[in-house]
C-alpha atoms as a PDB file:
ATOM      1  CA  MET A   1       4.462  16.134 -12.259  1.00  0.00           C
ATOM      2  CA  GLY A   2       1.640  16.622 -14.756  1.00  0.00           C
ATOM      3  CA  GLU A   3      -1.791  15.026 -14.445  1.00  0.00           C
ATOM      4  CA  LYS A   4      -0.978  12.399 -17.062  1.00  0.00           C
ATOM      5  CA  SER A   5       2.198  11.432 -15.193  1.00  0.00           C
ATOM      6  CA  VAL A   6       0.304  11.224 -11.900  1.00  0.00           C
ATOM      7  CA  GLN A   7      -2.268   8.932 -13.519  1.00  0.00           C
ATOM      8  CA  LYS A   8       0.453   6.753 -15.043  1.00  0.00           C
ATOM      9  CA  LYS A   9       2.248   6.434 -11.703  1.00  0.00           C
ATOM     10  CA  ARG A  10      -1.002   5.506  -9.972  1.00  0.00           C
ATOM     11  CA  TYR A  11      -1.705   2.909 -12.681  1.00  0.00           C
ATOM     12  CA  ILE A  12       1.742   1.379 -12.139  1.00  0.00           C
ATOM     13  CA  VAL A  13       1.221   1.243  -8.373  1.00  0.00           C
ATOM     14  CA  GLU A  14      -2.213  -0.365  -8.721  1.00  0.00           C
ATOM     15  CA  LYS A  15      -0.883  -3.039 -11.099  1.00  0.00           C
ATOM     16  CA  ALA A  16       2.186  -3.575  -8.910  1.00  0.00           C
ATOM     17  CA  ARG A  17      -0.067  -4.120  -5.895  1.00  0.00           C
ATOM     18  CA  ASP A  18      -1.673  -7.054  -7.696  1.00  0.00           C
ATOM     19  CA  VAL A  19       1.744  -8.471  -8.588  1.00  0.00           C
ATOM     20  CA  PHE A  20       2.968  -8.156  -4.981  1.00  0.00           C
ATOM     21  CA  MET A  21      -0.173  -9.875  -3.694  1.00  0.00           C
ATOM     22  CA  GLU A  22       0.228 -12.692  -6.218  1.00  0.00           C
ATOM     23  CA  LYS A  23       3.965 -13.342  -5.906  1.00  0.00           C
ATOM     24  CA  GLY A  24       5.015 -11.815  -2.610  1.00  0.00           C
ATOM     25  CA  PHE A  25       7.515  -9.007  -2.138  1.00  0.00           C
ATOM     26  CA  LYS A  26      10.735 -10.973  -2.464  1.00  0.00           C
ATOM     27  CA  LYS A  27       9.832 -12.693  -5.740  1.00  0.00           C
ATOM     28  CA  VAL A  28       8.650  -9.592  -7.611  1.00  0.00           C
ATOM     29  CA  THR A  29      11.032  -8.101 -10.164  1.00  0.00           C
ATOM     30  CA  MET A  30      10.857  -4.899 -12.123  1.00  0.00           C
ATOM     31  CA  LYS A  31      10.286  -7.094 -15.181  1.00  0.00           C
ATOM     32  CA  ASP A  32       7.149  -8.562 -13.562  1.00  0.00           C
ATOM     33  CA  ILE A  33       5.764  -5.079 -13.036  1.00  0.00           C
ATOM     34  CA  VAL A  34       6.724  -3.996 -16.563  1.00  0.00           C
ATOM     35  CA  GLU A  35       4.806  -6.973 -17.951  1.00  0.00           C
ATOM     36  CA  ALA A  36       1.767  -6.367 -15.720  1.00  0.00           C
ATOM     37  CA  CYS A  37       1.634  -2.720 -16.771  1.00  0.00           C
ATOM     38  CA  ASP A  38       2.456  -3.406 -20.422  1.00  0.00           C
ATOM     39  CA  ILE A  39       5.026  -0.597 -20.456  1.00  0.00           C
ATOM     40  CA  SER A  40       8.721  -0.418 -21.272  1.00  0.00           C
ATOM     41  CA  ARG A  41      11.426  -0.809 -18.639  1.00  0.00           C
ATOM     42  CA  GLY A  42      12.454   2.778 -19.291  1.00  0.00           C
ATOM     43  CA  GLY A  43       8.867   3.848 -18.720  1.00  0.00           C
ATOM     44  CA  LEU A  44       8.850   2.155 -15.333  1.00  0.00           C
ATOM     45  CA  TYR A  45      12.244   3.544 -14.319  1.00  0.00           C
ATOM     46  CA  LEU A  46      10.996   7.075 -15.052  1.00  0.00           C
ATOM     47  CA  TYR A  47       8.785   6.692 -12.000  1.00  0.00           C
ATOM     48  CA  PHE A  48      10.530   4.174  -9.740  1.00  0.00           C
ATOM     49  CA  GLU A  49      14.082   2.998  -9.060  1.00  0.00           C
ATOM     50  CA  SER A  50      13.301  -0.369  -7.444  1.00  0.00           C
ATOM     51  CA  THR A  51      10.619  -2.809  -6.381  1.00  0.00           C
ATOM     52  CA  SER A  52      11.145  -1.632  -2.791  1.00  0.00           C
ATOM     53  CA  GLN A  53      10.291   1.914  -3.778  1.00  0.00           C
ATOM     54  CA  ILE A  54       7.189   0.708  -5.604  1.00  0.00           C
ATOM     55  CA  PHE A  55       6.147  -1.387  -2.627  1.00  0.00           C
ATOM     56  CA  MET A  56       6.468   1.572  -0.276  1.00  0.00           C
ATOM     57  CA  GLU A  57       4.255   3.553  -2.658  1.00  0.00           C
ATOM     58  CA  VAL A  58       1.706   0.715  -2.622  1.00  0.00           C
ATOM     59  CA  LEU A  59       1.621   0.901   1.172  1.00  0.00           C
ATOM     60  CA  ARG A  60       1.324   4.694   1.143  1.00  0.00           C
ATOM     61  CA  MET A  61      -1.560   4.546  -1.323  1.00  0.00           C
ATOM     62  CA  GLU A  62      -3.323   1.883   0.755  1.00  0.00           C
ATOM     63  CA  SER A  63      -3.059   4.106   3.807  1.00  0.00           C
ATOM     64  CA  GLU A  64      -4.404   7.160   1.979  1.00  0.00           C
ATOM     65  CA  GLU A  65      -7.337   5.201   0.605  1.00  0.00           C
ATOM     66  CA  ALA A  66      -8.237   3.948   4.075  1.00  0.00           C
ATOM     67  CA  ASP A  67      -8.062   7.507   5.448  1.00  0.00           C
ATOM     68  CA  ASP A  68     -10.288   8.753   2.613  1.00  0.00           C
ATOM     69  CA  VAL A  69     -12.910   6.104   3.334  1.00  0.00           C
ATOM     70  CA  PHE A  70     -12.941   7.144   6.988  1.00  0.00           C
ATOM     71  CA  SER A  71     -13.206  10.874   6.218  1.00  0.00           C
ATOM     72  CA  ASP A  72     -15.839  10.420   3.526  1.00  0.00           C
ATOM     73  CA  SER A  73     -18.003   8.318   5.852  1.00  0.00           C
ATOM     74  CA  ILE A  74     -18.507  11.061   8.418  1.00  0.00           C
ATOM     75  CA  THR A  75     -21.766  12.916   7.887  1.00  0.00           C
ATOM     76  CA  GLU A  76     -22.541  16.420   9.139  1.00  0.00           C
ATOM     77  CA  ASP A  77     -25.031  15.106  11.694  1.00  0.00           C
ATOM     78  CA  ALA A  78     -22.698  12.400  13.049  1.00  0.00           C
ATOM     79  CA  THR A  79     -22.377  12.303  16.802  1.00  0.00           C
ATOM     80  CA  ALA A  80     -19.096  11.801  18.629  1.00  0.00           C
ATOM     81  CA  ALA A  81     -20.169   8.207  19.315  1.00  0.00           C
ATOM     82  CA  ASP A  82     -20.833   7.645  15.593  1.00  0.00           C
ATOM     83  CA  ILE A  83     -17.401   8.993  14.683  1.00  0.00           C
ATOM     84  CA  LEU A  84     -15.720   6.864  17.358  1.00  0.00           C
ATOM     85  CA  LEU A  85     -17.470   3.695  16.151  1.00  0.00           C
ATOM     86  CA  LEU A  86     -16.544   4.489  12.554  1.00  0.00           C
ATOM     87  CA  PHE A  87     -12.941   5.103  13.600  1.00  0.00           C
ATOM     88  CA  LEU A  88     -12.744   1.809  15.486  1.00  0.00           C
ATOM     89  CA  PHE A  89     -14.332  -0.095  12.605  1.00  0.00           C
ATOM     90  CA  SER A  90     -12.050   1.461   9.994  1.00  0.00           C
ATOM     91  CA  ASN A  91      -8.952   0.711  12.104  1.00  0.00           C
ATOM     92  CA  ALA A  92     -10.085  -2.889  12.565  1.00  0.00           C
ATOM     93  CA  PHE A  93     -10.548  -3.157   8.802  1.00  0.00           C
ATOM     94  CA  ARG A  94      -7.097  -1.653   8.211  1.00  0.00           C
ATOM     95  CA  ALA A  95      -5.556  -4.099  10.687  1.00  0.00           C
ATOM     96  CA  VAL A  96      -7.083  -7.031   8.805  1.00  0.00           C
ATOM     97  CA  ARG A  97      -5.745  -5.690   5.492  1.00  0.00           C
ATOM     98  CA  ARG A  98      -2.316  -5.224   7.043  1.00  0.00           C
ATOM     99  CA  ALA A  99      -2.390  -8.752   8.426  1.00  0.00           C
ATOM    100  CA  ILE A 100      -3.215 -10.141   4.992  1.00  0.00           C
ATOM    101  CA  ILE A 101      -0.395  -8.207   3.364  1.00  0.00           C
ATOM    102  CA  MET A 102       2.061  -9.110   6.122  1.00  0.00           C
ATOM    103  CA  SER A 103       1.141 -12.793   6.039  1.00  0.00           C
ATOM    104  CA  ARG A 104       1.690 -12.807   2.272  1.00  0.00           C
ATOM    105  CA  LEU A 105       5.056 -11.151   2.730  1.00  0.00           C
ATOM    106  CA  HIS A 106       5.997 -13.485   5.554  1.00  0.00           C
ATOM    107  CA  THR A 107       5.631 -16.486   3.260  1.00  0.00           C
ATOM    108  CA  THR A 108       8.166 -15.031   0.833  1.00  0.00           C
ATOM    109  CA  MET A 109      10.707 -13.276   3.036  1.00  0.00           C
ATOM    110  CA  GLN A 110      11.996 -13.506   6.564  1.00  0.00           C
ATOM    111  CA  ILE A 111      10.420 -10.700   8.553  1.00  0.00           C
ATOM    112  CA  THR A 112      12.165  -9.941  11.796  1.00  0.00           C
ATOM    113  CA  ARG A 113      10.950  -7.448  14.371  1.00  0.00           C
ATOM    114  CA  ALA A 114      13.739  -5.098  13.242  1.00  0.00           C
ATOM    115  CA  ASN A 115      12.536  -5.303   9.620  1.00  0.00           C
ATOM    116  CA  LEU A 116       8.952  -4.642  10.681  1.00  0.00           C
ATOM    117  CA  LEU A 117      10.006  -1.661  12.792  1.00  0.00           C
ATOM    118  CA  ASN A 118      12.030  -0.304   9.878  1.00  0.00           C
ATOM    119  CA  ILE A 119       8.988  -0.580   7.619  1.00  0.00           C
ATOM    120  CA  SER A 120       6.882   0.996  10.355  1.00  0.00           C
ATOM    121  CA  GLU A 121       9.169   4.004  10.587  1.00  0.00           C
ATOM    122  CA  ARG A 122       9.154   4.491   6.800  1.00  0.00           C
ATOM    123  CA  CYS A 123       5.431   4.129   6.310  1.00  0.00           C
ATOM    124  CA  ALA A 124       2.685   5.281   8.660  1.00  0.00           C
ATOM    125  CA  PHE A 125       0.528   2.463   7.266  1.00  0.00           C
ATOM    126  CA  PHE A 126       2.033   0.089   9.841  1.00  0.00           C
ATOM    127  CA  THR A 127       1.975   2.444  12.840  1.00  0.00           C
ATOM    128  CA  PHE A 128      -1.301   1.024  14.173  1.00  0.00           C
ATOM    129  CA  PHE A 129      -0.075  -2.554  13.714  1.00  0.00           C
ATOM    130  CA  THR A 130       3.181  -2.381  15.726  1.00  0.00           C
END
């Protein structure tokens, strides 16, 4: 995938994240994402087959961003204690973000333990939470 395609896909995921947060997973349609991105349906389907696939990409991107913040925050002169505190803080922050996302989803779809475990297996983003 070329750089322009990577940027376009990232743009779609970022816009879709806003749509998911606004409407909740179950109520979001491909049309909603098309409208938010101001692209054609065909343009969206070049990158994604379904809202579920887009949502999983949103979760993956969230996880990567959290990992980047953690890695970028470690200085060369950081002690083991500094790194541990940063790790604990970043995981607490991630847990809060996950709770917000999950509570938003819970209001729009029935989440059972089996569903949550399935999501957990498909996306490392939820590993810390379960």
